[in-house]
Amino acid sequence: MLVSWNRIQDKQVRYNVVAGHALQDRQAEFTPAERFLIASRIDTGDDEGPRTLDVRVRVTEAEKRSVQEAAALDGTTVSDYIRQRIGL
């Protein structure tokens, strides 16, 4: 049975979103090795390798909700949404 390329891409996009949310969950108790493994399987669409570093920014609760809602409406993770907005 052949699996269409679009289905594979859809699954990767879903993984990217779920993995992004899991890595941002402050209550998640991942080991550094588990975090690296999850991050390494996120398809960045480039040849720079996995994204394993964090950049922290302080925002208000309302600002955080606003960014989360905008990312959800865009169908992407907060990280990908911010990367797109700043041109990375």
C-alpha atoms as a PDB file:
ATOM      1  CA  MET A   1       0.000   0.000   0.000  1.00  0.00           C
ATOM      2  CA  LEU A   2       1.400   3.364  -1.000  1.00  0.00           C
ATOM      3  CA  VAL A   3       1.116   6.231   1.454  1.00  0.00           C
ATOM      4  CA  SER A   4       0.699   9.624  -0.149  1.00  0.00           C
ATOM      5  CA  TRP A   5       3.374  12.241   0.421  1.00  0.00           C
ATOM      6  CA  ASN A   6       0.699  14.646   1.721  1.00  0.00           C
ATOM      7  CA  ARG A   7      -0.291  12.177   4.438  1.00  0.00           C
ATOM      8  CA  ILE A   8       3.317  11.836   5.536  1.00  0.00           C
ATOM      9  CA  GLN A   9       3.689  15.618   5.598  1.00  0.00           C
ATOM     10  CA  ASP A  10       0.427  15.972   7.565  1.00  0.00           C
ATOM     11  CA  LYS A  11       1.689  13.496  10.161  1.00  0.00           C
ATOM     12  CA  GLN A  12       5.002  15.352  10.430  1.00  0.00           C
ATOM     13  CA  VAL A  13       3.221  18.670  10.888  1.00  0.00           C
ATOM     14  CA  ARG A  14       1.034  17.152  13.626  1.00  0.00           C
ATOM     15  CA  TYR A  15       4.126  15.698  15.327  1.00  0.00           C
ATOM     16  CA  ASN A  16       5.878  19.060  15.122  1.00  0.00           C
ATOM     17  CA  VAL A  17       2.928  20.809  16.788  1.00  0.00           C
ATOM     18  CA  VAL A  18       2.493  18.217  19.534  1.00  0.00           C
ATOM     19  CA  ALA A  19       6.234  17.965  20.191  1.00  0.00           C
ATOM     20  CA  GLY A  20       6.487  21.742  20.360  1.00  0.00           C
ATOM     21  CA  HIS A  21       3.714  21.886  22.945  1.00  0.00           C
ATOM     22  CA  ALA A  22       5.275  19.061  24.957  1.00  0.00           C
ATOM     23  CA  LEU A  23       8.662  20.773  25.027  1.00  0.00           C
ATOM     24  CA  GLN A  24       7.067  24.048  26.165  1.00  0.00           C
ATOM     25  CA  ASP A  25       5.106  22.387  28.973  1.00  0.00           C
ATOM     26  CA  ARG A  26       6.822  23.498  32.180  1.00  0.00           C
ATOM     27  CA  GLN A  27       5.177  20.658  34.120  1.00  0.00           C
ATOM     28  CA  ALA A  28       6.561  17.975  31.813  1.00  0.00           C
ATOM     29  CA  GLU A  29       9.326  15.993  33.448  1.00  0.00           C
ATOM     30  CA  PHE A  30      11.508  15.092  30.473  1.00  0.00           C
ATOM     31  CA  THR A  31      15.134  14.201  30.975  1.00  0.00           C
ATOM     32  CA  PRO A  32      17.637  16.163  28.867  1.00  0.00           C
ATOM     33  CA  ALA A  33      18.057  13.064  26.687  1.00  0.00           C
ATOM     34  CA  GLU A  34      14.291  12.787  26.161  1.00  0.00           C
ATOM     35  CA  ARG A  35      14.054  16.497  25.303  1.00  0.00           C
ATOM     36  CA  PHE A  36      16.854  16.102  22.771  1.00  0.00           C
ATOM     37  CA  LEU A  37      15.192  13.054  21.192  1.00  0.00           C
ATOM     38  CA  ILE A  38      11.822  14.813  20.887  1.00  0.00           C
ATOM     39  CA  ALA A  39      13.451  17.939  19.451  1.00  0.00           C
ATOM     40  CA  SER A  40      15.620  15.961  17.047  1.00  0.00           C
ATOM     41  CA  ARG A  41      12.542  14.453  15.400  1.00  0.00           C
ATOM     42  CA  ILE A  42      10.974  17.845  14.711  1.00  0.00           C
ATOM     43  CA  ASP A  43      11.347  18.569  11.009  1.00  0.00           C
ATOM     44  CA  THR A  44      12.709  22.084  10.708  1.00  0.00           C
ATOM     45  CA  GLY A  45      12.550  22.091   6.925  1.00  0.00           C
ATOM     46  CA  ASP A  46      16.188  23.053   6.648  1.00  0.00           C
ATOM     47  CA  ASP A  47      19.605  21.456   6.906  1.00  0.00           C
ATOM     48  CA  GLU A  48      20.727  23.219  10.070  1.00  0.00           C
ATOM     49  CA  GLY A  49      19.910  20.275  12.306  1.00  0.00           C
ATOM     50  CA  PRO A  50      17.569  19.968  15.272  1.00  0.00           C
ATOM     51  CA  ARG A  51      16.539  22.999  17.252  1.00  0.00           C
ATOM     52  CA  THR A  52      17.532  22.232  20.815  1.00  0.00           C
ATOM     53  CA  LEU A  53      18.155  25.688  22.321  1.00  0.00           C
ATOM     54  CA  ASP A  54      15.682  27.999  24.056  1.00  0.00           C
ATOM     55  CA  VAL A  55      15.236  31.755  23.959  1.00  0.00           C
ATOM     56  CA  ARG A  56      13.172  33.035  26.867  1.00  0.00           C
ATOM     57  CA  VAL A  57      11.135  36.231  26.684  1.00  0.00           C
ATOM     58  CA  ARG A  58       9.063  37.723  29.485  1.00  0.00           C
ATOM     59  CA  VAL A  59       5.479  38.568  28.524  1.00  0.00           C
ATOM     60  CA  THR A  60       2.221  39.229  30.326  1.00  0.00           C
ATOM     61  CA  GLU A  61      -0.415  36.517  30.618  1.00  0.00           C
ATOM     62  CA  ALA A  62      -2.516  38.368  28.020  1.00  0.00           C
ATOM     63  CA  GLU A  63       0.432  38.594  25.610  1.00  0.00           C
ATOM     64  CA  LYS A  64       1.127  34.888  26.016  1.00  0.00           C
ATOM     65  CA  ARG A  65      -2.518  34.017  25.298  1.00  0.00           C
ATOM     66  CA  SER A  66      -2.473  36.314  22.282  1.00  0.00           C
ATOM     67  CA  VAL A  67       0.578  34.594  20.793  1.00  0.00           C
ATOM     68  CA  GLN A  68      -0.825  31.127  21.558  1.00  0.00           C
ATOM     69  CA  GLU A  69      -4.136  32.002  19.912  1.00  0.00           C
ATOM     70  CA  ALA A  70      -2.404  33.489  16.856  1.00  0.00           C
ATOM     71  CA  ALA A  71      -0.254  30.360  16.485  1.00  0.00           C
ATOM     72  CA  ALA A  72      -3.302  28.102  16.833  1.00  0.00           C
ATOM     73  CA  LEU A  73      -5.178  30.090  14.187  1.00  0.00           C
ATOM     74  CA  ASP A  74      -2.118  29.767  11.943  1.00  0.00           C
ATOM     75  CA  GLY A  75      -2.075  26.000  12.594  1.00  0.00           C
ATOM     76  CA  THR A  76       1.445  26.008  13.956  1.00  0.00           C
ATOM     77  CA  THR A  77       3.374  25.924  17.206  1.00  0.00           C
ATOM     78  CA  VAL A  78       4.200  29.070  19.150  1.00  0.00           C
ATOM     79  CA  SER A  79       7.872  28.565  18.295  1.00  0.00           C
ATOM     80  CA  ASP A  80       7.203  28.246  14.565  1.00  0.00           C
ATOM     81  CA  TYR A  81       4.796  31.180  14.654  1.00  0.00           C
ATOM     82  CA  ILE A  82       7.376  33.442  16.306  1.00  0.00           C
ATOM     83  CA  ARG A  83      10.117  32.228  13.952  1.00  0.00           C
ATOM     84  CA  GLN A  84       7.905  33.093  10.973  1.00  0.00           C
ATOM     85  CA  ARG A  85       7.066  36.522  12.405  1.00  0.00           C
ATOM     86  CA  ILE A  86      10.703  37.479  12.953  1.00  0.00           C
ATOM     87  CA  GLY A  87      11.895  35.965   9.687  1.00  0.00           C
ATOM     88  CA  LEU A  88      13.912  32.936  10.806  1.00  0.00           C
END
